[in-house]
N, C-alpha and C. Protein backbone atom coordinates (compact mmCIF):
# COMPACT_ATOMS: atom_id res chain seq x y z
N MET A 1 0.81 -1.10 0.01
CA MET A 1 0.03 -0.05 0.07
C MET A 1 0.73 1.24 -0.05
N ASN A 2 0.71 2.05 -1.03
CA ASN A 2 1.55 3.33 -1.13
C ASN A 2 0.97 4.38 0.10
N LYS A 3 1.83 5.60 -0.10
CA LYS A 3 1.27 6.63 0.78
C LYS A 3 0.05 7.23 0.69
N LEU A 4 -0.53 7.09 -0.79
CA LEU A 4 -1.58 7.93 -1.06
C LEU A 4 -2.69 7.07 -0.67
N GLU A 5 -2.56 5.74 -0.77
CA GLU A 5 -3.51 4.88 -0.36
C GLU A 5 -3.76 4.74 1.23
N LEU A 6 -2.74 4.99 1.87
CA LEU A 6 -2.70 5.01 3.46
C LEU A 6 -3.66 6.36 3.82
N GLU A 7 -3.06 7.52 3.04
CA GLU A 7 -3.79 8.70 3.43
C GLU A 7 -5.32 8.66 3.28
N GLY A 8 -5.73 7.82 2.12
CA GLY A 8 -6.89 7.71 1.97
C GLY A 8 -7.84 6.93 2.91
N LYS A 9 -7.09 5.79 3.47
CA LYS A 9 -7.47 4.85 4.36
C LYS A 9 -7.60 5.63 5.72
N TRP A 10 -6.53 6.55 5.98
CA TRP A 10 -6.80 7.58 7.07
C TRP A 10 -7.85 8.39 7.19
N ASN A 11 -8.23 8.85 5.91
CA ASN A 11 -9.47 9.71 6.00
C ASN A 11 -10.69 9.08 6.44
N GLN A 12 -10.72 7.72 5.93
CA GLN A 12 -11.72 6.97 6.52
C GLN A 12 -11.73 6.63 8.09
N VAL A 13 -11.01 6.61 8.79
CA VAL A 13 -10.85 6.23 10.11
C VAL A 13 -10.14 7.20 11.13
N LYS A 14 -10.17 8.36 10.43
CA LYS A 14 -9.57 9.48 11.44
C LYS A 14 -10.47 9.70 12.75
N GLY A 15 -11.58 9.49 12.43
CA GLY A 15 -12.55 9.66 13.89
C GLY A 15 -12.19 8.49 14.96
N ALA A 16 -12.14 7.65 14.54
CA ALA A 16 -11.70 6.55 15.61
C ALA A 16 -10.31 6.59 16.09
N PHE A 17 -9.49 6.79 15.11
CA PHE A 17 -8.02 7.04 15.52
C PHE A 17 -7.96 8.32 16.40
N LYS A 18 -8.79 9.31 16.36
CA LYS A 18 -8.77 10.58 17.09
C LYS A 18 -9.12 9.99 18.63
N GLN A 19 -10.17 9.11 18.43
CA GLN A 19 -10.83 8.82 19.96
C GLN A 19 -9.69 7.92 20.70
N LYS A 20 -9.16 6.82 19.74
CA LYS A 20 -7.86 6.20 20.39
C LYS A 20 -6.59 6.83 20.90
N TYR A 21 -6.26 7.71 20.07
CA TYR A 21 -4.96 8.54 20.18
C TYR A 21 -5.00 9.90 20.42
N GLY A 22 -6.12 10.56 20.41
CA GLY A 22 -6.27 11.84 20.45
C GLY A 22 -5.63 12.71 21.68
N GLU A 23 -5.72 12.14 22.85
CA GLU A 23 -5.11 12.67 24.02
C GLU A 23 -3.57 12.82 23.80
N TRP A 24 -2.79 12.23 23.19
CA TRP A 24 -1.58 12.62 22.80
C TRP A 24 -1.26 13.79 21.93
N PHE A 25 -2.15 14.60 21.42
CA PHE A 25 -2.04 15.71 20.55
C PHE A 25 -2.57 16.84 21.24
N ASP A 26 -1.54 17.78 21.38
CA ASP A 26 -1.88 19.22 22.07
C ASP A 26 -2.43 20.04 20.85
N ASN A 27 -2.70 19.73 19.62
CA ASN A 27 -3.32 20.56 18.89
C ASN A 27 -4.06 19.54 17.94
N ASP A 28 -5.48 19.78 18.11
CA ASP A 28 -6.36 18.87 17.49
C ASP A 28 -6.28 19.28 15.96
N GLN A 29 -5.68 20.53 15.60
CA GLN A 29 -5.64 20.71 14.12
C GLN A 29 -4.99 19.92 13.42
N VAL A 30 -3.62 19.40 14.00
CA VAL A 30 -3.14 18.40 13.53
C VAL A 30 -3.89 17.23 12.77
N LEU A 31 -4.61 16.73 13.52
CA LEU A 31 -5.57 15.70 13.23
C LEU A 31 -6.49 16.08 12.12
N ALA A 32 -7.00 17.18 12.33
CA ALA A 32 -8.20 17.64 11.41
C ALA A 32 -7.62 17.98 9.86
N GLU A 33 -6.29 18.54 9.73
CA GLU A 33 -5.54 18.32 8.76
C GLU A 33 -5.29 17.56 7.86
N GLY A 34 -5.15 16.42 8.57
CA GLY A 34 -4.63 15.25 8.06
C GLY A 34 -3.08 15.03 7.74
N LYS A 35 -2.26 15.59 8.51
CA LYS A 35 -0.89 15.61 8.53
C LYS A 35 -0.46 14.19 8.82
N PHE A 36 -0.54 13.52 7.89
CA PHE A 36 -0.30 11.80 8.10
C PHE A 36 1.19 11.60 8.69
N ASP A 37 2.11 12.19 7.95
CA ASP A 37 3.25 11.91 8.47
C ASP A 37 3.80 12.38 9.81
N GLU A 38 3.12 13.49 10.13
CA GLU A 38 3.52 14.32 11.35
C GLU A 38 2.74 13.48 12.50
N ILE A 39 1.66 13.01 12.33
CA ILE A 39 0.86 12.27 13.09
C ILE A 39 1.44 10.84 13.40
N ILE A 40 1.93 10.19 12.28
CA ILE A 40 2.81 8.88 12.80
C ILE A 40 3.75 9.06 13.36
N GLY A 41 4.54 10.19 13.27
CA GLY A 41 5.90 10.43 13.93
C GLY A 41 5.46 10.48 15.43
N LYS A 42 4.56 11.45 15.57
CA LYS A 42 4.27 11.54 17.00
C LYS A 42 3.89 10.33 17.68
N LEU A 43 2.96 9.37 17.13
CA LEU A 43 2.51 8.30 17.52
C LEU A 43 3.57 7.26 17.70
N GLN A 44 4.70 7.30 16.86
CA GLN A 44 5.96 6.66 17.15
C GLN A 44 6.67 6.83 18.58
N GLU A 45 6.67 8.15 18.71
CA GLU A 45 7.32 8.71 19.96
C GLU A 45 6.47 8.26 21.16
N LYS A 46 5.07 8.28 21.35
CA LYS A 46 4.26 8.04 22.24
C LYS A 46 4.17 6.68 22.43
N THR A 47 3.97 6.00 21.61
CA THR A 47 3.73 4.40 21.66
C THR A 47 4.64 3.41 21.58
N GLY A 48 5.91 3.87 20.95
CA GLY A 48 7.19 3.17 20.99
C GLY A 48 6.92 2.07 19.51
N LYS A 49 5.60 2.21 18.84
CA LYS A 49 5.64 1.52 17.75
C LYS A 49 6.41 1.96 16.52
N THR A 50 6.76 1.03 15.68
CA THR A 50 7.50 1.31 14.44
C THR A 50 6.42 1.95 13.38
N LYS A 51 7.09 2.87 12.44
CA LYS A 51 6.12 3.45 11.43
C LYS A 51 5.16 2.22 10.70
N GLU A 52 5.94 1.20 10.45
CA GLU A 52 5.22 -0.02 9.85
C GLU A 52 4.27 -0.49 10.49
N GLU A 53 4.33 -0.55 11.97
CA GLU A 53 3.28 -1.32 12.64
C GLU A 53 1.93 -0.33 12.90
N LEU A 54 2.23 1.02 12.84
CA LEU A 54 1.29 2.10 12.94
C LEU A 54 0.38 2.19 11.42
N GLU A 55 1.44 2.05 10.37
CA GLU A 55 0.63 2.01 9.38
C GLU A 55 -0.27 0.84 9.02
N ASP A 56 0.24 -0.53 9.52
CA ASP A 56 -0.70 -1.74 9.62
C ASP A 56 -2.05 -1.43 10.38
N GLU A 57 -1.63 -0.98 11.47
CA GLU A 57 -2.99 -0.42 12.35
C GLU A 57 -3.91 0.50 11.40
N VAL A 58 -3.56 1.30 10.87
CA VAL A 58 -4.49 2.24 10.01
C VAL A 58 -5.00 1.34 8.91
N ARG A 59 -4.17 0.73 8.30
CA ARG A 59 -4.54 -0.34 7.13
C ARG A 59 -5.62 -1.35 7.39
N ASN A 60 -5.52 -1.89 8.73
CA ASN A 60 -6.40 -2.97 9.10
C ASN A 60 -7.70 -2.35 10.02
N TRP A 61 -7.51 -1.08 10.05
CA TRP A 61 -8.84 -0.57 11.01
C TRP A 61 -9.89 -1.09 10.44
N LYS A 62 -10.85 -1.62 11.33
CA LYS A 62 -12.13 -2.21 11.07
C LYS A 62 -13.27 -1.02 11.04
């Protein structure tokens, strides 16, 4: 899955992702604007997960 496909998937699951991880973002506008790479980077710092693990989570979100 390429970056554009991941971003498209991200747009589909943004609300649920925000519910799960939203407390880690001091600026909700980051989530609202869909800055995918910035969000993944912040989540890597907060969760200790790799970029690939987080991308898989987005990809497989139900």
